[in-house]
Amino acid sequence: QSAREHAMREASSLDHLFLKRRAPAGDFTGRSTTTIEDAVADALGKATVAIPSLHWFELTHLAGYVEKGQAKGWHVILRAGVSPER
């Protein structure tokens, strides 16, 4: 029981080392008519132009478009930033 509780705590806890070594720099929007990954790549492409020293990102919003019952397109917003040590 305690091993399971420990594993659950580890899986659901924040990565404090990751949180400590990041400084937010902005939110960026990406779109794709193919995949979520392509939408993220679109947003990261914009972010790296604005922030050449980009170090991290997190997905803050994910949405899609539906046509005839199928996912037709993706829209993401990601927060990106730099490492404070850089």
PDB file of N, CA and C in Angstrom:
ATOM      1  N   GLN A   1       0.831  -1.198   0.000  1.00  0.00           N
ATOM      2  CA  GLN A   1       0.000   0.000   0.000  1.00  0.00           C
ATOM      3  C   GLN A   1       0.875   1.263   0.000  1.00  0.00           C
ATOM      4  N   SER A   2       1.901   1.320   0.833  1.00  0.00           N
ATOM      5  CA  SER A   2       2.714   2.532   0.905  1.00  0.00           C
ATOM      6  C   SER A   2       3.510   2.758  -0.377  1.00  0.00           C
ATOM      7  N   ALA A   3       3.941   1.712  -1.054  1.00  0.00           N
ATOM      8  CA  ALA A   3       4.652   1.882  -2.323  1.00  0.00           C
ATOM      9  C   ALA A   3       3.725   2.501  -3.363  1.00  0.00           C
ATOM     10  N   ARG A   4       2.476   2.066  -3.367  1.00  0.00           N
ATOM     11  CA  ARG A   4       1.506   2.629  -4.301  1.00  0.00           C
ATOM     12  C   ARG A   4       1.244   4.098  -3.969  1.00  0.00           C
ATOM     13  N   GLU A   5       1.081   4.416  -2.692  1.00  0.00           N
ATOM     14  CA  GLU A   5       0.854   5.807  -2.281  1.00  0.00           C
ATOM     15  C   GLU A   5       2.043   6.680  -2.674  1.00  0.00           C
ATOM     16  N   HIS A   6       3.251   6.163  -2.479  1.00  0.00           N
ATOM     17  CA  HIS A   6       4.458   6.912  -2.849  1.00  0.00           C
ATOM     18  C   HIS A   6       4.481   7.158  -4.357  1.00  0.00           C
ATOM     19  N   ALA A   7       4.180   6.129  -5.143  1.00  0.00           N
ATOM     20  CA  ALA A   7       4.167   6.265  -6.593  1.00  0.00           C
ATOM     21  C   ALA A   7       3.114   7.279  -7.038  1.00  0.00           C
ATOM     22  N   MET A   8       1.961   7.279  -6.415  1.00  0.00           N
ATOM     23  CA  MET A   8       0.904   8.229  -6.757  1.00  0.00           C
ATOM     24  C   MET A   8       1.334   9.656  -6.418  1.00  0.00           C
ATOM     25  N   ARG A   9       1.973   9.844  -5.265  1.00  0.00           N
ATOM     26  CA  ARG A   9       2.463  11.176  -4.884  1.00  0.00           C
ATOM     27  C   ARG A   9       3.504  11.672  -5.883  1.00  0.00           C
ATOM     28  N   GLU A  10       4.429  10.797  -6.277  1.00  0.00           N
ATOM     29  CA  GLU A  10       5.473  11.178  -7.224  1.00  0.00           C
ATOM     30  C   GLU A  10       4.878  11.525  -8.586  1.00  0.00           C
ATOM     31  N   ALA A  11       3.907  10.751  -9.029  1.00  0.00           N
ATOM     32  CA  ALA A  11       3.311  10.960 -10.345  1.00  0.00           C
ATOM     33  C   ALA A  11       2.492  12.241 -10.406  1.00  0.00           C
ATOM     34  N   SER A  12       1.932  12.661  -9.283  1.00  0.00           N
ATOM     35  CA  SER A  12       1.061  13.829  -9.298  1.00  0.00           C
ATOM     36  C   SER A  12       1.705  15.084  -8.717  1.00  0.00           C
ATOM     37  N   SER A  13       2.950  14.988  -8.273  1.00  0.00           N
ATOM     38  CA  SER A  13       3.591  16.162  -7.683  1.00  0.00           C
ATOM     39  C   SER A  13       4.251  17.014  -8.767  1.00  0.00           C
ATOM     40  N   LEU A  14       4.411  18.288  -8.477  1.00  0.00           N
ATOM     41  CA  LEU A  14       5.070  19.208  -9.397  1.00  0.00           C
ATOM     42  C   LEU A  14       6.566  18.919  -9.432  1.00  0.00           C
ATOM     43  N   ASP A  15       7.175  19.129 -10.557  1.00  0.00           N
ATOM     44  CA  ASP A  15       8.614  18.993 -10.708  1.00  0.00           C
ATOM     45  C   ASP A  15       9.241  20.314 -10.265  1.00  0.00           C
ATOM     46  N   HIS A  16       9.615  20.394  -9.007  1.00  0.00           N
ATOM     47  CA  HIS A  16      10.099  21.657  -8.442  1.00  0.00           C
ATOM     48  C   HIS A  16      11.408  22.119  -9.089  1.00  0.00           C
ATOM     49  N   LEU A  17      12.254  21.192  -9.516  1.00  0.00           N
ATOM     50  CA  LEU A  17      13.491  21.574 -10.199  1.00  0.00           C
ATOM     51  C   LEU A  17      13.161  22.260 -11.520  1.00  0.00           C
ATOM     52  N   PHE A  18      12.184  21.727 -12.252  1.00  0.00           N
ATOM     53  CA  PHE A  18      11.764  22.350 -13.513  1.00  0.00           C
ATOM     54  C   PHE A  18      11.174  23.729 -13.241  1.00  0.00           C
ATOM     55  N   LEU A  19      10.311  23.840 -12.255  1.00  0.00           N
ATOM     56  CA  LEU A  19       9.668  25.115 -11.956  1.00  0.00           C
ATOM     57  C   LEU A  19      10.673  26.164 -11.501  1.00  0.00           C
ATOM     58  N   LYS A  20      11.693  25.745 -10.779  1.00  0.00           N
ATOM     59  CA  LYS A  20      12.688  26.677 -10.246  1.00  0.00           C
ATOM     60  C   LYS A  20      13.548  27.283 -11.356  1.00  0.00           C
ATOM     61  N   ARG A  21      13.811  26.519 -12.415  1.00  0.00           N
ATOM     62  CA  ARG A  21      14.740  26.965 -13.452  1.00  0.00           C
ATOM     63  C   ARG A  21      14.037  27.485 -14.694  1.00  0.00           C
ATOM     64  N   ARG A  22      12.999  28.304 -14.532  1.00  0.00           N
ATOM     65  CA  ARG A  22      12.330  28.850 -15.703  1.00  0.00           C
ATOM     66  C   ARG A  22      11.760  30.229 -15.443  1.00  0.00           C
ATOM     67  N   ALA A  23      11.783  31.032 -16.459  1.00  0.00           N
ATOM     68  CA  ALA A  23      11.235  32.380 -16.387  1.00  0.00           C
ATOM     69  C   ALA A  23      10.303  32.568 -17.585  1.00  0.00           C
ATOM     70  N   PRO A  24       9.002  32.810 -17.349  1.00  0.00           N
ATOM     71  CA  PRO A  24       8.068  32.987 -18.460  1.00  0.00           C
ATOM     72  C   PRO A  24       8.426  34.199 -19.317  1.00  0.00           C
ATOM     73  N   ALA A  25       8.213  34.057 -20.629  1.00  0.00           N
ATOM     74  CA  ALA A  25       8.511  35.154 -21.534  1.00  0.00           C
ATOM     75  C   ALA A  25       7.342  35.520 -22.435  1.00  0.00           C
ATOM     76  N   GLY A  26       6.345  34.662 -22.538  1.00  0.00           N
ATOM     77  CA  GLY A  26       5.199  35.016 -23.367  1.00  0.00           C
ATOM     78  C   GLY A  26       4.334  33.828 -23.729  1.00  0.00           C
ATOM     79  N   ASP A  27       3.149  34.124 -24.273  1.00  0.00           N
ATOM     80  CA  ASP A  27       2.210  33.114 -24.746  1.00  0.00           C
ATOM     81  C   ASP A  27       2.157  33.185 -26.267  1.00  0.00           C
ATOM     82  N   PHE A  28       2.101  32.024 -26.900  1.00  0.00           N
ATOM     83  CA  PHE A  28       2.135  31.946 -28.358  1.00  0.00           C
ATOM     84  C   PHE A  28       1.046  31.005 -28.851  1.00  0.00           C
ATOM     85  N   THR A  29       0.440  31.354 -29.970  1.00  0.00           N
ATOM     86  CA  THR A  29      -0.659  30.589 -30.546  1.00  0.00           C
ATOM     87  C   THR A  29      -0.181  29.805 -31.753  1.00  0.00           C
ATOM     88  N   GLY A  30      -0.657  28.569 -31.865  1.00  0.00           N
ATOM     89  CA  GLY A  30      -0.347  27.752 -33.027  1.00  0.00           C
ATOM     90  C   GLY A  30      -1.600  27.094 -33.563  1.00  0.00           C
ATOM     91  N   ARG A  31      -1.621  26.856 -34.861  1.00  0.00           N
ATOM     92  CA  ARG A  31      -2.777  26.225 -35.505  1.00  0.00           C
ATOM     93  C   ARG A  31      -2.294  25.175 -36.490  1.00  0.00           C
ATOM     94  N   SER A  32      -3.136  24.160 -36.698  1.00  0.00           N
ATOM     95  CA  SER A  32      -2.855  23.140 -37.692  1.00  0.00           C
ATOM     96  C   SER A  32      -4.156  22.470 -38.113  1.00  0.00           C
ATOM     97  N   THR A  33      -4.209  22.048 -39.349  1.00  0.00           N
ATOM     98  CA  THR A  33      -5.359  21.271 -39.817  1.00  0.00           C
ATOM     99  C   THR A  33      -5.040  19.782 -39.803  1.00  0.00           C
ATOM    100  N   THR A  34      -3.840  19.417 -39.316  1.00  0.00           N
ATOM    101  CA  THR A  34      -3.439  18.010 -39.333  1.00  0.00           C
ATOM    102  C   THR A  34      -3.344  17.383 -37.942  1.00  0.00           C
ATOM    103  N   THR A  35      -2.421  17.872 -37.092  1.00  0.00           N
ATOM    104  CA  THR A  35      -2.205  17.234 -35.786  1.00  0.00           C
ATOM    105  C   THR A  35      -1.960  18.270 -34.692  1.00  0.00           C
ATOM    106  N   ILE A  36      -2.105  17.823 -33.456  1.00  0.00           N
ATOM    107  CA  ILE A  36      -1.774  18.662 -32.296  1.00  0.00           C
ATOM    108  C   ILE A  36      -0.287  19.008 -32.329  1.00  0.00           C
ATOM    109  N   GLU A  37       0.531  18.022 -32.664  1.00  0.00           N
ATOM    110  CA  GLU A  37       1.974  18.250 -32.720  1.00  0.00           C
ATOM    111  C   GLU A  37       2.330  19.345 -33.719  1.00  0.00           C
ATOM    112  N   ASP A  38       1.643  19.365 -34.853  1.00  0.00           N
ATOM    113  CA  ASP A  38       1.900  20.421 -35.839  1.00  0.00           C
ATOM    114  C   ASP A  38       1.464  21.786 -35.320  1.00  0.00           C
ATOM    115  N   ALA A  39       0.383  21.816 -34.552  1.00  0.00           N
ATOM    116  CA  ALA A  39      -0.060  23.079 -33.953  1.00  0.00           C
ATOM    117  C   ALA A  39       0.966  23.573 -32.932  1.00  0.00           C
ATOM    118  N   VAL A  40       1.510  22.646 -32.129  1.00  0.00           N
ATOM    119  CA  VAL A  40       2.554  23.010 -31.161  1.00  0.00           C
ATOM    120  C   VAL A  40       3.798  23.489 -31.902  1.00  0.00           C
ATOM    121  N   ALA A  41       4.169  22.795 -32.974  1.00  0.00           N
ATOM    122  CA  ALA A  41       5.340  23.206 -33.765  1.00  0.00           C
ATOM    123  C   ALA A  41       5.136  24.600 -34.355  1.00  0.00           C
ATOM    124  N   ASP A  42       3.913  24.900 -34.783  1.00  0.00           N
ATOM    125  CA  ASP A  42       3.610  26.229 -35.316  1.00  0.00           C
ATOM    126  C   ASP A  42       3.828  27.295 -34.238  1.00  0.00           C
ATOM    127  N   ALA A  43       3.321  27.037 -33.041  1.00  0.00           N
ATOM    128  CA  ALA A  43       3.495  27.988 -31.936  1.00  0.00           C
ATOM    129  C   ALA A  43       4.963  28.111 -31.538  1.00  0.00           C
ATOM    130  N   LEU A  44       5.679  26.986 -31.483  1.00  0.00           N
ATOM    131  CA  LEU A  44       7.099  27.038 -31.127  1.00  0.00           C
ATOM    132  C   LEU A  44       7.919  27.775 -32.179  1.00  0.00           C
ATOM    133  N   GLY A  45       7.537  27.628 -33.438  1.00  0.00           N
ATOM    134  CA  GLY A  45       8.228  28.378 -34.496  1.00  0.00           C
ATOM    135  C   GLY A  45       8.116  29.871 -34.275  1.00  0.00           C
ATOM    136  N   LYS A  46       6.921  30.324 -33.899  1.00  0.00           N
ATOM    137  CA  LYS A  46       6.728  31.750 -33.611  1.00  0.00           C
ATOM    138  C   LYS A  46       7.502  32.156 -32.359  1.00  0.00           C
ATOM    139  N   ALA A  47       7.488  31.293 -31.357  1.00  0.00           N
ATOM    140  CA  ALA A  47       8.163  31.611 -30.086  1.00  0.00           C
ATOM    141  C   ALA A  47       9.670  31.729 -30.266  1.00  0.00           C
ATOM    142  N   THR A  48      10.265  30.828 -31.051  1.00  0.00           N
ATOM    143  CA  THR A  48      11.720  30.870 -31.207  1.00  0.00           C
ATOM    144  C   THR A  48      12.183  32.059 -32.044  1.00  0.00           C
ATOM    145  N   VAL A  49      11.304  32.596 -32.888  1.00  0.00           N
ATOM    146  CA  VAL A  49      11.641  33.832 -33.597  1.00  0.00           C
ATOM    147  C   VAL A  49      11.676  34.988 -32.600  1.00  0.00           C
ATOM    148  N   ALA A  50      10.689  35.025 -31.707  1.00  0.00           N
ATOM    149  CA  ALA A  50      10.604  36.109 -30.717  1.00  0.00           C
ATOM    150  C   ALA A  50      11.624  35.938 -29.598  1.00  0.00           C
ATOM    151  N   ILE A  51      11.924  34.685 -29.254  1.00  0.00           N
ATOM    152  CA  ILE A  51      12.826  34.391 -28.133  1.00  0.00           C
ATOM    153  C   ILE A  51      13.857  33.363 -28.603  1.00  0.00           C
ATOM    154  N   PRO A  52      14.955  33.790 -29.206  1.00  0.00           N
ATOM    155  CA  PRO A  52      15.945  32.826 -29.707  1.00  0.00           C
ATOM    156  C   PRO A  52      16.511  31.901 -28.633  1.00  0.00           C
ATOM    157  N   SER A  53      16.558  32.345 -27.397  1.00  0.00           N
ATOM    158  CA  SER A  53      17.110  31.523 -26.314  1.00  0.00           C
ATOM    159  C   SER A  53      16.026  30.725 -25.587  1.00  0.00           C
ATOM    160  N   LEU A  54      14.952  30.394 -26.289  1.00  0.00           N
ATOM    161  CA  LEU A  54      13.847  29.642 -25.703  1.00  0.00           C
ATOM    162  C   LEU A  54      14.362  28.368 -25.030  1.00  0.00           C
ATOM    163  N   HIS A  55      13.875  28.117 -23.828  1.00  0.00           N
ATOM    164  CA  HIS A  55      14.360  26.973 -23.051  1.00  0.00           C
ATOM    165  C   HIS A  55      13.244  25.998 -22.681  1.00  0.00           C
ATOM    166  N   TRP A  56      12.017  26.471 -22.541  1.00  0.00           N
ATOM    167  CA  TRP A  56      10.927  25.593 -22.095  1.00  0.00           C
ATOM    168  C   TRP A  56       9.594  26.090 -22.635  1.00  0.00           C
ATOM    169  N   PHE A  57       8.605  25.214 -22.584  1.00  0.00           N
ATOM    170  CA  PHE A  57       7.231  25.613 -22.902  1.00  0.00           C
ATOM    171  C   PHE A  57       6.261  24.700 -22.167  1.00  0.00           C
ATOM    172  N   GLU A  58       5.058  25.207 -21.986  1.00  0.00           N
ATOM    173  CA  GLU A  58       3.978  24.393 -21.442  1.00  0.00           C
ATOM    174  C   GLU A  58       2.710  24.706 -22.220  1.00  0.00           C
ATOM    175  N   LEU A  59       1.930  23.697 -22.481  1.00  0.00           N
ATOM    176  CA  LEU A  59       0.677  23.865 -23.197  1.00  0.00           C
ATOM    177  C   LEU A  59      -0.370  24.372 -22.217  1.00  0.00           C
ATOM    178  N   THR A  60      -0.933  25.548 -22.496  1.00  0.00           N
ATOM    179  CA  THR A  60      -1.916  26.127 -21.570  1.00  0.00           C
ATOM    180  C   THR A  60      -3.334  26.047 -22.098  1.00  0.00           C
ATOM    181  N   HIS A  61      -3.482  25.805 -23.406  1.00  0.00           N
ATOM    182  CA  HIS A  61      -4.819  25.746 -23.988  1.00  0.00           C
ATOM    183  C   HIS A  61      -4.781  24.829 -25.207  1.00  0.00           C
ATOM    184  N   LEU A  62      -5.773  23.975 -25.297  1.00  0.00           N
ATOM    185  CA  LEU A  62      -5.892  23.082 -26.440  1.00  0.00           C
ATOM    186  C   LEU A  62      -7.343  23.056 -26.870  1.00  0.00           C
ATOM    187  N   ALA A  63      -7.577  23.326 -28.131  1.00  0.00           N
ATOM    188  CA  ALA A  63      -8.934  23.306 -28.668  1.00  0.00           C
ATOM    189  C   ALA A  63      -8.875  22.744 -30.082  1.00  0.00           C
ATOM    190  N   GLY A  64     -10.034  22.341 -30.577  1.00  0.00           N
ATOM    191  CA  GLY A  64     -10.086  21.798 -31.924  1.00  0.00           C
ATOM    192  C   GLY A  64     -11.364  22.191 -32.623  1.00  0.00           C
ATOM    193  N   TYR A  65     -11.368  21.954 -33.908  1.00  0.00           N
ATOM    194  CA  TYR A  65     -12.532  22.212 -34.735  1.00  0.00           C
ATOM    195  C   TYR A  65     -13.087  20.866 -35.204  1.00  0.00           C
ATOM    196  N   VAL A  66     -14.386  20.788 -35.321  1.00  0.00           N
ATOM    197  CA  VAL A  66     -15.033  19.539 -35.712  1.00  0.00           C
ATOM    198  C   VAL A  66     -15.786  19.744 -37.018  1.00  0.00           C
ATOM    199  N   GLU A  67     -15.622  18.796 -37.910  1.00  0.00           N
ATOM    200  CA  GLU A  67     -16.368  18.806 -39.169  1.00  0.00           C
ATOM    201  C   GLU A  67     -16.820  17.376 -39.455  1.00  0.00           C
ATOM    202  N   LYS A  68     -18.124  17.211 -39.622  1.00  0.00           N
ATOM    203  CA  LYS A  68     -18.705  15.889 -39.883  1.00  0.00           C
ATOM    204  C   LYS A  68     -18.301  14.867 -38.823  1.00  0.00           C
ATOM    205  N   GLY A  69     -18.265  15.320 -37.581  1.00  0.00           N
ATOM    206  CA  GLY A  69     -17.958  14.430 -36.463  1.00  0.00           C
ATOM    207  C   GLY A  69     -16.497  14.081 -36.281  1.00  0.00           C
ATOM    208  N   GLN A  70     -15.612  14.672 -37.060  1.00  0.00           N
ATOM    209  CA  GLN A  70     -14.186  14.386 -36.967  1.00  0.00           C
ATOM    210  C   GLN A  70     -13.404  15.654 -36.636  1.00  0.00           C
ATOM    211  N   ALA A  71     -12.285  15.469 -35.945  1.00  0.00           N
ATOM    212  CA  ALA A  71     -11.404  16.606 -35.672  1.00  0.00           C
ATOM    213  C   ALA A  71     -10.878  17.137 -37.000  1.00  0.00           C
ATOM    214  N   LYS A  72     -11.072  18.412 -37.225  1.00  0.00           N
ATOM    215  CA  LYS A  72     -10.678  19.031 -38.495  1.00  0.00           C
ATOM    216  C   LYS A  72      -9.451  19.926 -38.338  1.00  0.00           C
ATOM    217  N   GLY A  73      -9.271  20.497 -37.185  1.00  0.00           N
ATOM    218  CA  GLY A  73      -8.145  21.393 -36.978  1.00  0.00           C
ATOM    219  C   GLY A  73      -7.855  21.559 -35.503  1.00  0.00           C
ATOM    220  N   TRP A  74      -6.676  22.043 -35.208  1.00  0.00           N
ATOM    221  CA  TRP A  74      -6.221  22.200 -33.820  1.00  0.00           C
ATOM    222  C   TRP A  74      -5.765  23.625 -33.579  1.00  0.00           C
ATOM    223  N   HIS A  75      -5.990  24.091 -32.360  1.00  0.00           N
ATOM    224  CA  HIS A  75      -5.587  25.431 -31.927  1.00  0.00           C
ATOM    225  C   HIS A  75      -4.956  25.261 -30.550  1.00  0.00           C
ATOM    226  N   VAL A  76      -3.726  25.715 -30.378  1.00  0.00           N
ATOM    227  CA  VAL A  76      -3.047  25.609 -29.086  1.00  0.00           C
ATOM    228  C   VAL A  76      -2.516  26.971 -28.671  1.00  0.00           C
ATOM    229  N   ILE A  77      -2.408  27.142 -27.381  1.00  0.00           N
ATOM    230  CA  ILE A  77      -1.693  28.288 -26.823  1.00  0.00           C
ATOM    231  C   ILE A  77      -0.657  27.700 -25.871  1.00  0.00           C
ATOM    232  N   LEU A  78       0.564  28.120 -26.047  1.00  0.00           N
ATOM    233  CA  LEU A  78       1.589  27.650 -25.118  1.00  0.00           C
ATOM    234  C   LEU A  78       2.302  28.836 -24.498  1.00  0.00           C
ATOM    235  N   ARG A  79       2.719  28.636 -23.268  1.00  0.00           N
ATOM    236  CA  ARG A  79       3.525  29.619 -22.549  1.00  0.00           C
ATOM    237  C   ARG A  79       4.967  29.164 -22.699  1.00  0.00           C
ATOM    238  N   ALA A  80       5.828  30.069 -23.071  1.00  0.00           N
ATOM    239  CA  ALA A  80       7.222  29.734 -23.304  1.00  0.00           C
ATOM    240  C   ALA A  80       8.126  30.682 -22.545  1.00  0.00           C
ATOM    241  N   GLY A  81       9.349  30.249 -22.328  1.00  0.00           N
ATOM    242  CA  GLY A  81      10.266  31.107 -21.596  1.00  0.00           C
ATOM    243  C   GLY A  81      11.691  30.663 -21.658  1.00  0.00           C
ATOM    244  N   VAL A  82      12.475  31.304 -20.866  1.00  0.00           N
ATOM    245  CA  VAL A  82      13.913  31.090 -20.828  1.00  0.00           C
ATOM    246  C   VAL A  82      14.313  30.594 -19.443  1.00  0.00           C
ATOM    247  N   SER A  83      15.506  30.085 -19.372  1.00  0.00           N
ATOM    248  CA  SER A  83      16.061  29.682 -18.088  1.00  0.00           C
ATOM    249  C   SER A  83      16.657  30.918 -17.416  1.00  0.00           C
ATOM    250  N   PRO A  84      16.373  31.157 -16.150  1.00  0.00           N
ATOM    251  CA  PRO A  84      16.949  32.334 -15.474  1.00  0.00           C
ATOM    252  C   PRO A  84      18.474  32.324 -15.450  1.00  0.00           C
ATOM    253  N   GLU A  85      19.079  31.146 -15.531  1.00  0.00           N
ATOM    254  CA  GLU A  85      20.549  31.047 -15.502  1.00  0.00           C
ATOM    255  C   GLU A  85      21.176  31.466 -16.809  1.00  0.00           C
ATOM    256  N   ARG A  86      20.377  31.563 -17.889  1.00  0.00           N
ATOM    257  CA  ARG A  86      20.944  31.875 -19.221  1.00  0.00           C
ATOM    258  C   ARG A  86      21.096  33.352 -19.413  1.00  0.00           C
TER     259      ARG A  86
END
